[in-house]
Amino acid sequence: SVLVLNGKIRKVGGKMLASNGKKVDFASALQSCEEAGGTLAAPKNEEENKAITDIVKQYNQYAYLGIRKGEASGQFKYINGTPLNYSNWHQQEPNGKGKEKCVEMYTDGTWNDEKCNLYRLTICEF
């Protein structure tokens, strides 16, 4: 399964961001990014958040970010387990009370904690 990119690539800092335009659940999105040699996009700063937002706006779809709620701590972390060093939560978020373990990005670039079984845009970083 090759990631077809069609010019949907953004370079930001040392990262490349790309979307295949597919809407899938969190586990499938993560798997397709890893199969392509990357991981789910997760902004580490404002500049990266804006670049991901550009792709979200281009498709006009919410996207899962590579951020999950840690089982033990209940804190949101990057996929690799490191703590968040940047966040851009929507007002009143996160509010899932433990039931919403994944994070999606709205079309305005803000974040919302959400269940992991919804269909959201896949955006990978390399």
Protein backbone atom coordinates (compact mmCIF):
# COMPACT_ATOMS: atom_id res chain seq x y z
CA SER A 1 0.00 0.00 0.00
CA VAL A 2 1.89 3.01 -1.27
CA LEU A 3 1.03 6.44 0.07
CA VAL A 4 -0.13 8.45 -2.94
CA LEU A 5 0.74 12.05 -2.24
CA ASN A 6 -0.43 14.20 -5.17
CA GLY A 7 1.34 17.34 -4.03
CA LYS A 8 -0.22 17.24 -0.59
CA ILE A 9 3.18 17.66 1.08
CA ARG A 10 4.28 20.36 3.49
CA LYS A 11 7.81 20.86 4.71
CA VAL A 12 8.17 22.39 8.15
CA GLY A 13 11.42 22.57 10.06
CA GLY A 14 13.10 19.21 9.55
CA LYS A 15 9.82 17.41 8.98
CA MET A 16 7.76 16.47 5.98
CA LEU A 17 3.99 16.24 6.39
CA ALA A 18 1.84 14.31 3.95
CA SER A 19 -1.74 13.11 3.69
CA ASN A 20 -3.21 10.36 1.55
CA GLY A 21 -6.64 11.98 1.90
CA LYS A 22 -8.08 8.86 3.56
CA LYS A 23 -10.42 8.97 6.54
CA VAL A 24 -9.89 6.05 8.92
CA ASP A 25 -9.88 5.33 12.64
CA PHE A 26 -6.88 6.17 14.81
CA ALA A 27 -5.26 2.72 14.77
CA SER A 28 -5.52 2.46 10.96
CA ALA A 29 -4.16 5.98 10.46
CA LEU A 30 -1.19 5.25 12.71
CA GLN A 31 -0.57 1.93 10.95
CA SER A 32 -0.62 3.45 7.46
CA CYS A 33 1.86 6.16 8.53
CA GLU A 34 4.17 3.59 10.10
CA GLU A 35 3.96 1.36 7.02
CA ALA A 36 5.03 4.38 4.95
CA GLY A 37 8.04 4.88 7.22
CA GLY A 38 6.69 7.75 9.32
CA THR A 39 4.25 8.32 12.15
CA LEU A 40 1.03 10.28 12.72
CA ALA A 41 1.69 14.01 12.56
CA ALA A 42 2.00 15.67 15.96
CA PRO A 43 2.89 19.36 16.22
CA LYS A 44 5.77 20.21 18.54
CA ASN A 45 5.37 23.96 18.07
CA GLU A 46 3.17 26.66 16.54
CA GLU A 47 4.85 26.47 13.13
CA GLU A 48 4.21 22.72 12.85
CA ASN A 49 0.65 23.17 14.11
CA LYS A 50 0.03 25.70 11.36
CA ALA A 51 1.46 23.40 8.66
CA ILE A 52 -0.83 20.56 9.79
CA THR A 53 -3.74 23.00 9.92
CA ASP A 54 -3.06 23.90 6.28
CA ILE A 55 -3.57 20.26 5.26
CA VAL A 56 -6.68 19.92 7.47
CA LYS A 57 -8.11 23.04 5.78
CA GLN A 58 -7.18 21.82 2.31
CA TYR A 59 -9.25 18.65 2.82
CA ASN A 60 -11.78 20.39 5.09
CA GLN A 61 -11.63 17.34 7.39
CA TYR A 62 -10.72 16.91 11.03
CA ALA A 63 -7.53 14.84 11.47
CA TYR A 64 -6.17 12.62 14.21
CA LEU A 65 -2.89 13.79 15.72
CA GLY A 66 -0.10 11.49 16.92
CA ILE A 67 -1.02 12.14 20.55
CA ARG A 68 -2.71 9.75 22.98
CA LYS A 69 -3.73 9.67 26.59
CA GLY A 70 -1.25 7.62 28.62
CA GLU A 71 -2.81 4.60 30.36
CA ALA A 72 -1.03 5.11 33.66
CA SER A 73 -0.77 8.88 34.02
CA GLY A 74 -3.91 9.95 32.20
CA GLN A 75 -1.80 12.71 30.63
CA PHE A 76 -1.73 13.27 26.88
CA LYS A 77 1.59 12.26 25.31
CA TYR A 78 3.17 11.89 21.90
CA ILE A 79 2.91 8.43 20.35
CA ASN A 80 6.51 7.67 21.37
CA GLY A 81 5.58 8.28 25.02
CA THR A 82 7.23 11.67 25.53
CA PRO A 83 5.17 14.36 27.31
CA LEU A 84 3.62 17.16 25.25
CA ASN A 85 5.85 20.21 25.05
CA TYR A 86 3.25 22.18 23.07
CA SER A 87 -0.54 22.14 22.92
CA ASN A 88 -3.30 24.07 21.20
CA TRP A 89 -6.49 22.84 22.87
CA HIS A 90 -9.84 24.27 21.85
CA GLN A 91 -11.61 26.21 24.60
CA GLN A 92 -12.96 23.89 27.34
CA GLU A 93 -10.86 20.97 26.01
CA PRO A 94 -9.70 18.35 26.83
CA ASN A 95 -12.98 17.31 28.47
CA GLY A 96 -13.38 13.59 27.74
CA LYS A 97 -13.04 12.53 31.38
CA GLY A 98 -10.86 9.59 30.34
CA LYS A 99 -13.23 8.22 27.70
CA GLU A 100 -11.64 10.21 24.86
CA LYS A 101 -8.08 8.93 24.53
CA CYS A 102 -7.18 10.31 21.09
CA VAL A 103 -6.75 13.88 19.84
CA GLU A 104 -8.18 15.41 16.69
CA MET A 105 -7.42 18.73 15.06
CA TYR A 106 -10.30 20.99 14.05
CA THR A 107 -10.16 22.98 10.81
CA ASP A 108 -9.17 26.08 12.83
CA GLY A 109 -6.04 24.30 14.11
CA THR A 110 -7.26 23.80 17.68
CA TRP A 111 -7.34 20.38 19.33
CA ASN A 112 -10.08 18.26 20.87
CA ASP A 113 -9.84 15.00 22.78
CA GLU A 114 -11.98 12.42 21.01
CA LYS A 115 -12.74 8.71 20.86
CA CYS A 116 -10.31 6.68 18.77
CA ASN A 117 -12.86 4.86 16.59
CA LEU A 118 -14.10 7.78 14.47
CA TYR A 119 -13.07 8.33 10.85
CA ARG A 120 -10.60 11.19 10.56
CA LEU A 121 -8.09 12.36 7.98
CA THR A 122 -4.68 10.64 7.99
CA ILE A 123 -1.71 13.05 8.10
CA CYS A 124 1.75 11.53 8.48
CA GLU A 125 5.08 13.09 9.36
CA PHE A 126 8.45 11.90 8.12
